[in-house]
Amino acid sequence: MNFIKLPQLVDRRGKLKSKGTYSKRTTSITHRVWHHSLTKKHLGGSDAASFAKYHVITLGWPECGYTFVIEPKNIINTLNGKRARIVYANDINRRTYHVGNSNQFSLGICVAGDYRYDTMDDATLASIAELHTALVKDGIGKFDKAHNEMPGYSWKACCEYNYRDSFDWKGSKNPTKPAPAPDVYTIQEGDTLWSIAHKDGTGGVTS
């Protein structure tokens, strides 16, 4: 799997708070569903471990409700630059609780933060884009939806970041364009340095 090879991904399956396991899916994954946690991204509780405790202790779920959690407060230095840590919380084939009646065919991905107020940083955008690319290559899901685009959740302010724009993150909003190659002028009989210097568009000389 390509997503397993991401350098910012850590496998925490079976290591987070739980009181059982989710059942296996009986259908294939068709949707990748994007969430945010509604907790400010740099707070102590904005991570997969805290979400798992809340889901298990407070909500009574078996485990963390997401398959992946992206943690902006935990930055990993990779060969490609800084990346927000991605926690692999549950097996892909487990029907986690995150989007009601659509759980069976939906993969839950949570980006920690409250993006009604928080701003998205480059390290997090990069991890969203790279995880999405890897899942597409792996054939995991066909469609991307926000939590509030799924049946029964139109009322919910989740997710409040533009997940589709995040997929196209390229690392620079204003890439520097290379300077155009200069024109080259070939010296002809009768030319002088003064005449060459005053020819329009001349940037170089050959003989």
N, C-alpha and C. Protein backbone atom coordinates (compact mmCIF):
# COMPACT_ATOMS: atom_id res chain seq x y z
N MET A 1 0.83 -1.20 0.00
CA MET A 1 0.00 0.00 0.00
C MET A 1 0.88 1.27 0.00
N ASN A 2 0.53 2.21 -0.85
CA ASN A 2 1.30 3.45 -0.94
C ASN A 2 1.19 4.29 0.33
N PHE A 3 0.03 4.30 0.98
CA PHE A 3 -0.12 5.17 2.15
C PHE A 3 0.77 4.72 3.30
N ILE A 4 1.03 3.44 3.38
CA ILE A 4 1.89 2.91 4.44
C ILE A 4 3.32 3.46 4.31
N LYS A 5 3.71 3.78 3.09
CA LYS A 5 5.08 4.23 2.83
C LYS A 5 5.30 5.72 3.12
N LEU A 6 4.24 6.45 3.44
CA LEU A 6 4.41 7.88 3.71
C LEU A 6 5.29 8.06 4.95
N PRO A 7 6.35 8.87 4.85
CA PRO A 7 7.29 9.00 5.98
C PRO A 7 6.69 9.65 7.22
N GLN A 8 5.59 10.40 7.05
CA GLN A 8 4.96 11.06 8.20
C GLN A 8 3.88 10.19 8.85
N LEU A 9 3.67 8.98 8.34
CA LEU A 9 2.64 8.11 8.89
C LEU A 9 3.19 7.23 10.00
N VAL A 10 2.45 7.17 11.11
CA VAL A 10 2.80 6.27 12.21
C VAL A 10 1.63 5.31 12.43
N ASP A 11 1.94 4.05 12.59
CA ASP A 11 0.93 3.02 12.76
C ASP A 11 0.61 2.85 14.24
N ARG A 12 -0.59 3.28 14.63
CA ARG A 12 -1.01 3.17 16.04
C ARG A 12 -2.17 2.20 16.20
N ARG A 13 -2.40 1.38 15.21
CA ARG A 13 -3.48 0.39 15.31
C ARG A 13 -3.24 -0.53 16.50
N GLY A 14 -4.27 -0.70 17.31
CA GLY A 14 -4.16 -1.55 18.49
C GLY A 14 -3.44 -0.93 19.66
N LYS A 15 -3.01 0.33 19.53
CA LYS A 15 -2.24 0.99 20.60
C LYS A 15 -2.98 2.17 21.22
N LEU A 16 -4.14 2.51 20.68
CA LEU A 16 -4.94 3.60 21.22
C LEU A 16 -6.02 3.04 22.15
N LYS A 17 -6.64 3.90 22.92
CA LYS A 17 -7.69 3.49 23.85
C LYS A 17 -8.78 2.72 23.11
N SER A 18 -9.22 1.59 23.69
CA SER A 18 -10.27 0.78 23.06
C SER A 18 -10.98 -0.05 24.11
N LYS A 19 -12.13 -0.55 23.74
CA LYS A 19 -12.85 -1.52 24.57
C LYS A 19 -13.52 -2.55 23.66
N GLY A 20 -12.75 -3.00 22.69
CA GLY A 20 -13.25 -3.95 21.70
C GLY A 20 -12.71 -3.58 20.34
N THR A 21 -13.31 -4.12 19.30
CA THR A 21 -12.90 -3.80 17.93
C THR A 21 -14.14 -3.57 17.07
N TYR A 22 -13.96 -2.81 16.01
CA TYR A 22 -15.04 -2.61 15.05
C TYR A 22 -15.21 -3.86 14.19
N SER A 23 -16.41 -4.06 13.69
CA SER A 23 -16.64 -5.18 12.78
C SER A 23 -16.02 -4.90 11.43
N LYS A 24 -15.80 -5.93 10.66
CA LYS A 24 -15.24 -5.76 9.32
C LYS A 24 -16.30 -5.25 8.37
N ARG A 25 -15.86 -4.52 7.36
CA ARG A 25 -16.77 -4.03 6.35
C ARG A 25 -17.33 -5.19 5.54
N THR A 26 -18.56 -5.03 5.11
CA THR A 26 -19.15 -6.05 4.23
C THR A 26 -19.30 -5.54 2.80
N THR A 27 -18.90 -4.28 2.59
CA THR A 27 -18.89 -3.71 1.24
C THR A 27 -17.56 -2.99 1.04
N SER A 28 -17.24 -2.67 -0.19
CA SER A 28 -15.99 -1.96 -0.47
C SER A 28 -16.14 -0.48 -0.12
N ILE A 29 -15.02 0.19 0.08
CA ILE A 29 -15.02 1.62 0.37
C ILE A 29 -15.26 2.41 -0.91
N THR A 30 -16.26 3.25 -0.90
CA THR A 30 -16.53 4.11 -2.06
C THR A 30 -16.26 5.59 -1.76
N HIS A 31 -16.29 5.96 -0.47
CA HIS A 31 -16.14 7.37 -0.10
C HIS A 31 -15.00 7.58 0.89
N ARG A 32 -14.23 8.61 0.64
CA ARG A 32 -13.26 9.11 1.62
C ARG A 32 -13.91 10.36 2.24
N VAL A 33 -14.19 10.30 3.54
CA VAL A 33 -14.93 11.39 4.19
C VAL A 33 -14.00 12.19 5.09
N TRP A 34 -13.98 13.51 4.87
CA TRP A 34 -13.04 14.41 5.54
C TRP A 34 -13.71 15.14 6.68
N HIS A 35 -13.07 15.10 7.84
CA HIS A 35 -13.57 15.70 9.08
C HIS A 35 -12.55 16.71 9.62
N HIS A 36 -13.01 17.54 10.56
CA HIS A 36 -12.07 18.20 11.48
C HIS A 36 -12.60 17.95 12.88
N SER A 37 -11.74 18.16 13.87
CA SER A 37 -12.07 17.69 15.22
C SER A 37 -12.88 18.67 16.05
N LEU A 38 -13.00 19.92 15.59
CA LEU A 38 -13.65 20.98 16.36
C LEU A 38 -12.90 21.30 17.65
N THR A 39 -11.66 20.90 17.73
CA THR A 39 -10.77 21.28 18.84
C THR A 39 -9.62 22.09 18.23
N LYS A 40 -9.22 23.17 18.88
CA LYS A 40 -8.14 24.00 18.34
C LYS A 40 -6.91 23.13 18.10
N LYS A 41 -6.26 23.34 16.96
CA LYS A 41 -5.28 22.38 16.47
C LYS A 41 -4.04 22.22 17.35
N HIS A 42 -3.68 23.22 18.16
CA HIS A 42 -2.47 23.11 18.98
C HIS A 42 -2.76 22.78 20.44
N LEU A 43 -4.01 22.50 20.78
CA LEU A 43 -4.34 22.10 22.14
C LEU A 43 -3.81 20.69 22.42
N GLY A 44 -3.61 20.41 23.70
CA GLY A 44 -3.09 19.11 24.08
C GLY A 44 -3.97 17.95 23.63
N GLY A 45 -5.28 18.16 23.56
CA GLY A 45 -6.20 17.08 23.20
C GLY A 45 -6.46 16.92 21.72
N SER A 46 -5.75 17.67 20.89
CA SER A 46 -5.98 17.59 19.44
C SER A 46 -5.06 16.57 18.80
N ASP A 47 -5.30 15.31 19.13
CA ASP A 47 -4.51 14.23 18.54
C ASP A 47 -5.30 12.92 18.58
N ALA A 48 -4.81 11.92 17.90
CA ALA A 48 -5.52 10.65 17.78
C ALA A 48 -5.75 9.99 19.13
N ALA A 49 -4.76 10.05 20.01
CA ALA A 49 -4.90 9.40 21.32
C ALA A 49 -6.06 10.01 22.12
N SER A 50 -6.18 11.33 22.08
CA SER A 50 -7.25 12.01 22.81
C SER A 50 -8.61 11.73 22.18
N PHE A 51 -8.66 11.70 20.85
CA PHE A 51 -9.92 11.40 20.19
C PHE A 51 -10.38 9.99 20.53
N ALA A 52 -9.44 9.05 20.57
CA ALA A 52 -9.78 7.67 20.91
C ALA A 52 -10.37 7.59 22.32
N LYS A 53 -9.76 8.29 23.28
CA LYS A 53 -10.28 8.28 24.65
C LYS A 53 -11.69 8.85 24.70
N TYR A 54 -11.92 9.95 23.98
CA TYR A 54 -13.25 10.56 23.96
C TYR A 54 -14.28 9.61 23.33
N HIS A 55 -13.92 9.00 22.22
CA HIS A 55 -14.86 8.11 21.53
C HIS A 55 -15.18 6.88 22.36
N VAL A 56 -14.20 6.35 23.06
CA VAL A 56 -14.41 5.14 23.85
C VAL A 56 -15.08 5.44 25.19
N ILE A 57 -14.53 6.40 25.94
CA ILE A 57 -15.02 6.65 27.29
C ILE A 57 -16.33 7.44 27.30
N THR A 58 -16.41 8.48 26.48
CA THR A 58 -17.58 9.35 26.49
C THR A 58 -18.70 8.84 25.58
N LEU A 59 -18.34 8.41 24.37
CA LEU A 59 -19.36 7.99 23.41
C LEU A 59 -19.67 6.48 23.45
N GLY A 60 -18.78 5.72 24.08
CA GLY A 60 -19.01 4.29 24.19
C GLY A 60 -18.71 3.51 22.93
N TRP A 61 -17.90 4.06 22.04
CA TRP A 61 -17.53 3.35 20.81
C TRP A 61 -16.41 2.36 21.11
N PRO A 62 -16.20 1.38 20.25
CA PRO A 62 -15.13 0.40 20.49
C PRO A 62 -13.73 0.99 20.44
N GLU A 63 -13.48 1.91 19.49
CA GLU A 63 -12.15 2.48 19.28
C GLU A 63 -12.30 3.89 18.73
N CYS A 64 -11.19 4.49 18.34
CA CYS A 64 -11.22 5.79 17.66
C CYS A 64 -12.13 5.69 16.44
N GLY A 65 -12.89 6.74 16.18
CA GLY A 65 -13.85 6.69 15.09
C GLY A 65 -13.28 6.91 13.71
N TYR A 66 -12.00 7.24 13.60
CA TYR A 66 -11.40 7.53 12.31
C TYR A 66 -10.37 6.47 11.94
N THR A 67 -10.18 6.30 10.65
CA THR A 67 -9.09 5.43 10.19
C THR A 67 -7.77 6.19 10.23
N PHE A 68 -7.80 7.45 9.81
CA PHE A 68 -6.60 8.29 9.83
C PHE A 68 -6.88 9.58 10.59
N VAL A 69 -5.87 10.03 11.35
CA VAL A 69 -5.93 11.33 12.00
C VAL A 69 -4.67 12.09 11.64
N ILE A 70 -4.83 13.29 11.09
CA ILE A 70 -3.70 14.16 10.76
C ILE A 70 -3.55 15.17 11.89
N GLU A 71 -2.34 15.23 12.47
CA GLU A 71 -2.10 16.04 13.67
C GLU A 71 -1.18 17.23 13.38
N PRO A 72 -1.73 18.43 13.16
CA PRO A 72 -0.91 19.60 12.86
C PRO A 72 0.08 19.96 13.95
N LYS A 73 -0.20 19.61 15.20
CA LYS A 73 0.72 20.00 16.29
C LYS A 73 1.96 19.11 16.34
N ASN A 74 1.93 17.98 15.66
CA ASN A 74 3.06 17.06 15.64
C ASN A 74 3.70 17.06 14.25
N ILE A 75 4.82 17.74 14.14
CA ILE A 75 5.48 17.93 12.85
C ILE A 75 6.65 16.94 12.70
N ILE A 76 6.71 16.33 11.54
CA ILE A 76 7.78 15.39 11.22
C ILE A 76 8.60 15.96 10.07
N ASN A 77 9.92 15.95 10.24
CA ASN A 77 10.81 16.40 9.16
C ASN A 77 11.05 15.24 8.20
N THR A 78 10.68 15.42 6.94
CA THR A 78 10.89 14.40 5.93
C THR A 78 11.84 14.94 4.87
N LEU A 79 12.24 14.09 3.96
CA LEU A 79 13.13 14.52 2.87
C LEU A 79 12.45 15.56 1.99
N ASN A 80 11.12 15.60 2.00
CA ASN A 80 10.37 16.56 1.20
C ASN A 80 9.97 17.80 1.98
N GLY A 81 10.40 17.89 3.24
CA GLY A 81 10.04 19.04 4.05
C GLY A 81 9.21 18.66 5.26
N LYS A 82 8.70 19.66 5.96
CA LYS A 82 7.93 19.43 7.18
C LYS A 82 6.53 18.90 6.83
N ARG A 83 6.11 17.90 7.60
CA ARG A 83 4.79 17.29 7.38
C ARG A 83 4.09 17.08 8.72
N ALA A 84 2.77 17.28 8.74
CA ALA A 84 1.99 16.95 9.92
C ALA A 84 1.89 15.43 10.04
N ARG A 85 2.02 14.93 11.24
CA ARG A 85 1.97 13.49 11.45
C ARG A 85 0.60 12.92 11.08
N ILE A 86 0.62 11.77 10.43
CA ILE A 86 -0.60 11.05 10.10
C ILE A 86 -0.63 9.79 10.96
N VAL A 87 -1.67 9.64 11.78
CA VAL A 87 -1.81 8.45 12.61
C VAL A 87 -2.77 7.47 11.94
N TYR A 88 -2.28 6.27 11.72
CA TYR A 88 -3.10 5.18 11.18
C TYR A 88 -3.73 4.50 12.39
N ALA A 89 -5.01 4.81 12.63
CA ALA A 89 -5.66 4.43 13.88
C ALA A 89 -6.43 3.11 13.82
N ASN A 90 -6.99 2.78 12.67
CA ASN A 90 -7.78 1.56 12.51
C ASN A 90 -7.53 0.94 11.14
N ASP A 91 -7.66 -0.37 11.07
CA ASP A 91 -7.51 -1.04 9.79
C ASP A 91 -8.47 -0.47 8.76
N ILE A 92 -8.02 -0.40 7.52
CA ILE A 92 -8.85 0.07 6.42
C ILE A 92 -10.15 -0.73 6.33
N ASN A 93 -10.09 -2.00 6.63
CA ASN A 93 -11.27 -2.86 6.45
C ASN A 93 -12.22 -2.86 7.64
N ARG A 94 -12.02 -1.98 8.63
CA ARG A 94 -12.90 -1.90 9.78
C ARG A 94 -13.93 -0.79 9.62
N ARG A 95 -15.16 -1.08 9.97
CA ARG A 95 -16.28 -0.14 9.83
C ARG A 95 -16.33 0.77 11.06
N THR A 96 -15.52 1.81 11.03
CA THR A 96 -15.47 2.72 12.18
C THR A 96 -16.70 3.63 12.21
N TYR A 97 -16.98 4.18 13.39
CA TYR A 97 -18.12 5.07 13.56
C TYR A 97 -17.69 6.51 13.31
N HIS A 98 -18.17 7.11 12.26
CA HIS A 98 -17.82 8.51 12.01
C HIS A 98 -18.84 9.24 11.17
N VAL A 99 -19.70 8.50 10.46
CA VAL A 99 -20.65 9.18 9.58
C VAL A 99 -21.98 8.41 9.49
N GLY A 100 -22.47 7.96 10.64
CA GLY A 100 -23.80 7.37 10.74
C GLY A 100 -24.05 6.19 9.83
N ASN A 101 -25.14 6.25 9.09
CA ASN A 101 -25.55 5.13 8.24
C ASN A 101 -24.64 4.90 7.05
N SER A 102 -23.65 5.77 6.86
CA SER A 102 -22.73 5.61 5.73
C SER A 102 -21.39 4.98 6.14
N ASN A 103 -21.29 4.55 7.39
CA ASN A 103 -20.02 4.00 7.88
C ASN A 103 -19.52 2.81 7.08
N GLN A 104 -20.44 2.00 6.60
CA GLN A 104 -20.07 0.74 5.95
C GLN A 104 -19.18 0.96 4.72
N PHE A 105 -19.44 2.01 3.98
CA PHE A 105 -18.70 2.24 2.74
C PHE A 105 -17.84 3.50 2.76
N SER A 106 -17.67 4.09 3.98
CA SER A 106 -16.95 5.36 4.08
C SER A 106 -15.71 5.23 4.96
N LEU A 107 -14.63 5.85 4.51
CA LEU A 107 -13.37 5.89 5.24
C LEU A 107 -13.27 7.24 5.93
N GLY A 108 -13.07 7.24 7.24
CA GLY A 108 -13.02 8.48 7.99
C GLY A 108 -11.60 9.03 8.15
N ILE A 109 -11.40 10.28 7.73
CA ILE A 109 -10.11 10.96 7.85
C ILE A 109 -10.34 12.27 8.60
N CYS A 110 -9.69 12.42 9.74
CA CYS A 110 -9.88 13.63 10.54
C CYS A 110 -8.60 14.47 10.56
N VAL A 111 -8.75 15.74 10.25
CA VAL A 111 -7.65 16.69 10.40
C VAL A 111 -7.89 17.43 11.71
N ALA A 112 -7.02 17.25 12.69
CA ALA A 112 -7.21 17.89 13.99
C ALA A 112 -7.20 19.40 13.83
N GLY A 113 -8.16 20.05 14.49
CA GLY A 113 -8.27 21.50 14.42
C GLY A 113 -9.71 21.93 14.32
N ASP A 114 -9.96 23.18 14.62
CA ASP A 114 -11.28 23.76 14.45
C ASP A 114 -11.15 24.83 13.37
N TYR A 115 -11.44 24.45 12.14
CA TYR A 115 -11.16 25.32 11.00
C TYR A 115 -12.25 26.36 10.73
N ARG A 116 -13.13 26.54 11.72
CA ARG A 116 -13.94 27.76 11.72
C ARG A 116 -13.06 28.93 12.17
N TYR A 117 -11.99 28.60 12.90
CA TYR A 117 -11.12 29.62 13.49
C TYR A 117 -9.64 29.38 13.16
N ASP A 118 -9.19 28.14 13.20
CA ASP A 118 -7.80 27.82 12.88
C ASP A 118 -7.52 28.06 11.40
N THR A 119 -6.26 28.28 11.08
CA THR A 119 -5.85 28.36 9.68
C THR A 119 -5.02 27.12 9.34
N MET A 120 -5.08 26.72 8.12
CA MET A 120 -4.37 25.53 7.66
C MET A 120 -2.92 25.90 7.31
N ASP A 121 -1.97 25.16 7.87
CA ASP A 121 -0.57 25.43 7.59
C ASP A 121 -0.05 24.50 6.49
N ASP A 122 1.11 24.84 5.94
CA ASP A 122 1.64 24.08 4.81
C ASP A 122 1.96 22.63 5.16
N ALA A 123 2.44 22.38 6.37
CA ALA A 123 2.78 21.00 6.75
C ALA A 123 1.53 20.12 6.77
N THR A 124 0.41 20.71 7.18
CA THR A 124 -0.85 19.96 7.21
C THR A 124 -1.41 19.79 5.80
N LEU A 125 -1.36 20.85 5.01
CA LEU A 125 -1.82 20.76 3.62
C LEU A 125 -1.05 19.68 2.86
N ALA A 126 0.25 19.62 3.10
CA ALA A 126 1.07 18.62 2.42
C ALA A 126 0.65 17.21 2.81
N SER A 127 0.38 16.99 4.10
CA SER A 127 -0.02 15.65 4.53
C SER A 127 -1.39 15.26 3.99
N ILE A 128 -2.31 16.23 3.92
CA ILE A 128 -3.61 15.94 3.31
C ILE A 128 -3.43 15.52 1.86
N ALA A 129 -2.66 16.33 1.12
CA ALA A 129 -2.46 16.06 -0.31
C ALA A 129 -1.77 14.72 -0.54
N GLU A 130 -0.76 14.41 0.25
CA GLU A 130 0.00 13.18 0.04
C GLU A 130 -0.78 11.95 0.46
N LEU A 131 -1.56 12.06 1.54
CA LEU A 131 -2.41 10.93 1.94
C LEU A 131 -3.48 10.67 0.88
N HIS A 132 -4.09 11.74 0.39
CA HIS A 132 -5.12 11.59 -0.64
C HIS A 132 -4.54 10.94 -1.89
N THR A 133 -3.39 11.41 -2.35
CA THR A 133 -2.75 10.83 -3.53
C THR A 133 -2.47 9.35 -3.34
N ALA A 134 -1.97 8.99 -2.16
CA ALA A 134 -1.66 7.59 -1.88
C ALA A 134 -2.92 6.72 -1.87
N LEU A 135 -3.99 7.21 -1.27
CA LEU A 135 -5.23 6.44 -1.21
C LEU A 135 -5.82 6.24 -2.60
N VAL A 136 -5.73 7.27 -3.43
CA VAL A 136 -6.21 7.14 -4.81
C VAL A 136 -5.40 6.08 -5.56
N LYS A 137 -4.07 6.13 -5.41
CA LYS A 137 -3.22 5.13 -6.06
C LYS A 137 -3.53 3.72 -5.57
N ASP A 138 -3.88 3.62 -4.29
CA ASP A 138 -4.17 2.32 -3.69
C ASP A 138 -5.59 1.83 -4.03
N GLY A 139 -6.38 2.67 -4.69
CA GLY A 139 -7.75 2.28 -5.04
C GLY A 139 -8.69 2.24 -3.86
N ILE A 140 -8.39 3.02 -2.82
CA ILE A 140 -9.23 3.05 -1.62
C ILE A 140 -10.20 4.20 -1.72
N GLY A 141 -11.40 3.93 -2.16
CA GLY A 141 -12.43 4.95 -2.34
C GLY A 141 -12.43 5.54 -3.74
N LYS A 142 -13.58 6.06 -4.13
CA LYS A 142 -13.74 6.69 -5.44
C LYS A 142 -14.13 8.16 -5.33
N PHE A 143 -14.79 8.52 -4.25
CA PHE A 143 -15.33 9.87 -4.09
C PHE A 143 -14.83 10.49 -2.79
N ASP A 144 -14.69 11.81 -2.81
CA ASP A 144 -14.32 12.56 -1.62
C ASP A 144 -15.47 13.45 -1.20
N LYS A 145 -15.80 13.42 0.09
CA LYS A 145 -16.88 14.24 0.62
C LYS A 145 -16.49 14.80 1.98
N ALA A 146 -17.01 15.97 2.31
CA ALA A 146 -16.89 16.48 3.66
C ALA A 146 -17.94 15.79 4.53
N HIS A 147 -17.73 15.79 5.83
CA HIS A 147 -18.69 15.20 6.76
C HIS A 147 -20.09 15.76 6.52
N ASN A 148 -20.16 17.09 6.34
CA ASN A 148 -21.48 17.71 6.18
C ASN A 148 -22.10 17.50 4.80
N GLU A 149 -21.40 16.80 3.91
CA GLU A 149 -21.97 16.48 2.60
C GLU A 149 -22.55 15.07 2.57
N MET A 150 -22.43 14.36 3.68
CA MET A 150 -22.96 13.01 3.76
C MET A 150 -24.40 13.03 4.27
N PRO A 151 -25.21 12.02 3.93
CA PRO A 151 -26.63 12.00 4.32
C PRO A 151 -26.82 12.18 5.83
N GLY A 152 -27.68 13.14 6.19
CA GLY A 152 -28.02 13.38 7.59
C GLY A 152 -27.10 14.33 8.33
N TYR A 153 -26.08 14.89 7.65
CA TYR A 153 -25.12 15.74 8.35
C TYR A 153 -25.00 17.13 7.76
N SER A 154 -25.97 17.58 7.01
CA SER A 154 -25.88 18.90 6.40
C SER A 154 -25.86 20.02 7.43
N TRP A 155 -26.30 19.74 8.64
CA TRP A 155 -26.34 20.73 9.73
C TRP A 155 -24.98 20.93 10.38
N LYS A 156 -24.04 20.02 10.17
CA LYS A 156 -22.80 20.00 10.94
C LYS A 156 -21.71 20.86 10.31
N ALA A 157 -21.03 21.67 11.11
CA ALA A 157 -19.95 22.53 10.62
C ALA A 157 -18.65 21.73 10.52
N CYS A 158 -18.63 20.77 9.60
CA CYS A 158 -17.48 19.87 9.48
C CYS A 158 -17.47 19.27 8.07
N CYS A 159 -16.42 19.39 7.30
CA CYS A 159 -15.22 20.11 7.71
C CYS A 159 -15.27 21.55 7.20
N GLU A 160 -14.58 22.43 7.88
CA GLU A 160 -14.63 23.85 7.52
C GLU A 160 -13.41 24.29 6.73
N TYR A 161 -12.55 23.37 6.33
CA TYR A 161 -11.45 23.70 5.42
C TYR A 161 -11.84 23.19 4.03
N ASN A 162 -11.22 23.73 3.01
CA ASN A 162 -11.54 23.32 1.64
C ASN A 162 -10.71 22.08 1.29
N TYR A 163 -11.29 20.93 1.51
CA TYR A 163 -10.52 19.70 1.32
C TYR A 163 -10.12 19.49 -0.13
N ARG A 164 -10.95 19.93 -1.06
CA ARG A 164 -10.61 19.73 -2.48
C ARG A 164 -9.40 20.57 -2.89
N ASP A 165 -9.34 21.82 -2.43
CA ASP A 165 -8.17 22.64 -2.71
C ASP A 165 -6.92 22.05 -2.06
N SER A 166 -7.09 21.43 -0.91
CA SER A 166 -5.94 20.84 -0.21
C SER A 166 -5.29 19.73 -1.03
N PHE A 167 -6.08 19.01 -1.81
CA PHE A 167 -5.52 17.90 -2.60
C PHE A 167 -4.51 18.40 -3.62
N ASP A 168 -4.62 19.66 -4.04
CA ASP A 168 -3.77 20.21 -5.09
C ASP A 168 -2.57 20.97 -4.54
N TRP A 169 -2.31 20.83 -3.25
CA TRP A 169 -1.17 21.54 -2.65
C TRP A 169 0.12 21.12 -3.35
N LYS A 170 0.91 22.11 -3.75
CA LYS A 170 2.15 21.81 -4.49
C LYS A 170 3.39 22.33 -3.76
N GLY A 171 3.22 22.91 -2.58
CA GLY A 171 4.38 23.35 -1.81
C GLY A 171 4.74 24.81 -1.98
N SER A 172 4.13 25.50 -2.94
CA SER A 172 4.43 26.91 -3.12
C SER A 172 3.25 27.59 -3.81
N LYS A 173 2.77 28.67 -3.21
CA LYS A 173 1.64 29.39 -3.80
C LYS A 173 2.08 30.28 -4.96
N ASN A 174 3.35 30.72 -4.92
CA ASN A 174 3.88 31.59 -5.97
C ASN A 174 5.22 31.08 -6.46
N PRO A 175 5.21 29.99 -7.20
CA PRO A 175 6.49 29.45 -7.66
C PRO A 175 7.21 30.45 -8.55
N THR A 176 8.52 30.47 -8.41
CA THR A 176 9.32 31.38 -9.23
C THR A 176 9.52 30.80 -10.62
N LYS A 177 9.17 31.57 -11.62
CA LYS A 177 9.34 31.10 -12.99
C LYS A 177 10.78 31.30 -13.43
N PRO A 178 11.34 30.32 -14.13
CA PRO A 178 12.72 30.50 -14.60
C PRO A 178 12.80 31.64 -15.60
N ALA A 179 13.90 32.36 -15.56
CA ALA A 179 14.07 33.47 -16.50
C ALA A 179 14.19 32.92 -17.91
N PRO A 180 13.60 33.61 -18.89
CA PRO A 180 13.70 33.13 -20.27
C PRO A 180 15.13 33.19 -20.77
N ALA A 181 15.47 32.27 -21.63
CA ALA A 181 16.82 32.26 -22.20
C ALA A 181 17.02 33.51 -23.06
N PRO A 182 18.18 34.13 -22.97
CA PRO A 182 18.42 35.36 -23.76
C PRO A 182 18.51 35.05 -25.25
N ASP A 183 18.12 36.06 -26.04
CA ASP A 183 18.30 35.92 -27.48
C ASP A 183 19.80 35.94 -27.80
N VAL A 184 20.16 35.29 -28.86
CA VAL A 184 21.56 35.23 -29.27
C VAL A 184 21.71 35.89 -30.64
N TYR A 185 22.70 36.76 -30.77
CA TYR A 185 22.93 37.46 -32.03
C TYR A 185 24.26 36.99 -32.63
N THR A 186 24.23 36.70 -33.90
CA THR A 186 25.45 36.27 -34.60
C THR A 186 26.11 37.47 -35.27
N ILE A 187 27.39 37.66 -34.96
CA ILE A 187 28.13 38.79 -35.52
C ILE A 187 28.21 38.68 -37.04
N GLN A 188 27.93 39.83 -37.67
CA GLN A 188 27.99 39.88 -39.12
C GLN A 188 29.05 40.90 -39.56
N GLU A 189 29.46 40.78 -40.82
CA GLU A 189 30.48 41.69 -41.35
C GLU A 189 30.02 43.14 -41.25
N GLY A 190 30.88 44.01 -40.74
CA GLY A 190 30.55 45.43 -40.64
C GLY A 190 30.03 45.83 -39.26
N ASP A 191 29.74 44.82 -38.38
CA ASP A 191 29.24 45.14 -37.04
C ASP A 191 30.35 45.74 -36.18
N THR A 192 29.92 46.64 -35.28
CA THR A 192 30.82 47.15 -34.24
C THR A 192 30.18 46.84 -32.89
N LEU A 193 30.96 46.93 -31.82
CA LEU A 193 30.39 46.67 -30.50
C LEU A 193 29.26 47.65 -30.19
N TRP A 194 29.40 48.91 -30.64
CA TRP A 194 28.37 49.89 -30.38
C TRP A 194 27.07 49.52 -31.09
N SER A 195 27.18 49.08 -32.36
CA SER A 195 25.97 48.76 -33.12
C SER A 195 25.29 47.52 -32.57
N ILE A 196 26.10 46.55 -32.09
CA ILE A 196 25.51 45.34 -31.52
C ILE A 196 24.76 45.67 -30.24
N ALA A 197 25.39 46.52 -29.41
CA ALA A 197 24.79 46.85 -28.13
C ALA A 197 23.46 47.56 -28.27
N HIS A 198 23.23 48.23 -29.39
CA HIS A 198 22.01 48.98 -29.56
C HIS A 198 20.99 48.30 -30.45
N LYS A 199 21.21 47.01 -30.73
CA LYS A 199 20.19 46.27 -31.50
C LYS A 199 19.11 45.80 -30.52
N ASP A 200 17.85 45.90 -30.90
CA ASP A 200 16.74 45.52 -30.03
C ASP A 200 16.76 44.03 -29.76
N GLY A 201 16.53 43.67 -28.47
CA GLY A 201 16.33 42.27 -28.12
C GLY A 201 17.58 41.44 -28.07
N THR A 202 18.78 42.04 -28.18
CA THR A 202 20.00 41.26 -28.18
C THR A 202 20.47 41.02 -26.76
N GLY A 203 20.67 39.74 -26.39
CA GLY A 203 21.12 39.45 -25.03
C GLY A 203 22.42 38.70 -25.03
N GLY A 204 22.93 38.33 -26.21
CA GLY A 204 24.15 37.57 -26.23
C GLY A 204 24.78 37.65 -27.61
N VAL A 205 26.03 37.27 -27.69
CA VAL A 205 26.76 37.39 -28.96
C VAL A 205 27.48 36.09 -29.27
N THR A 206 27.41 35.65 -30.50
CA THR A 206 28.21 34.51 -30.94
C THR A 206 29.02 34.92 -32.13
N SER A 207 30.03 34.20 -32.42
CA SER A 207 30.83 34.51 -33.59
C SER A 207 31.05 33.25 -34.41
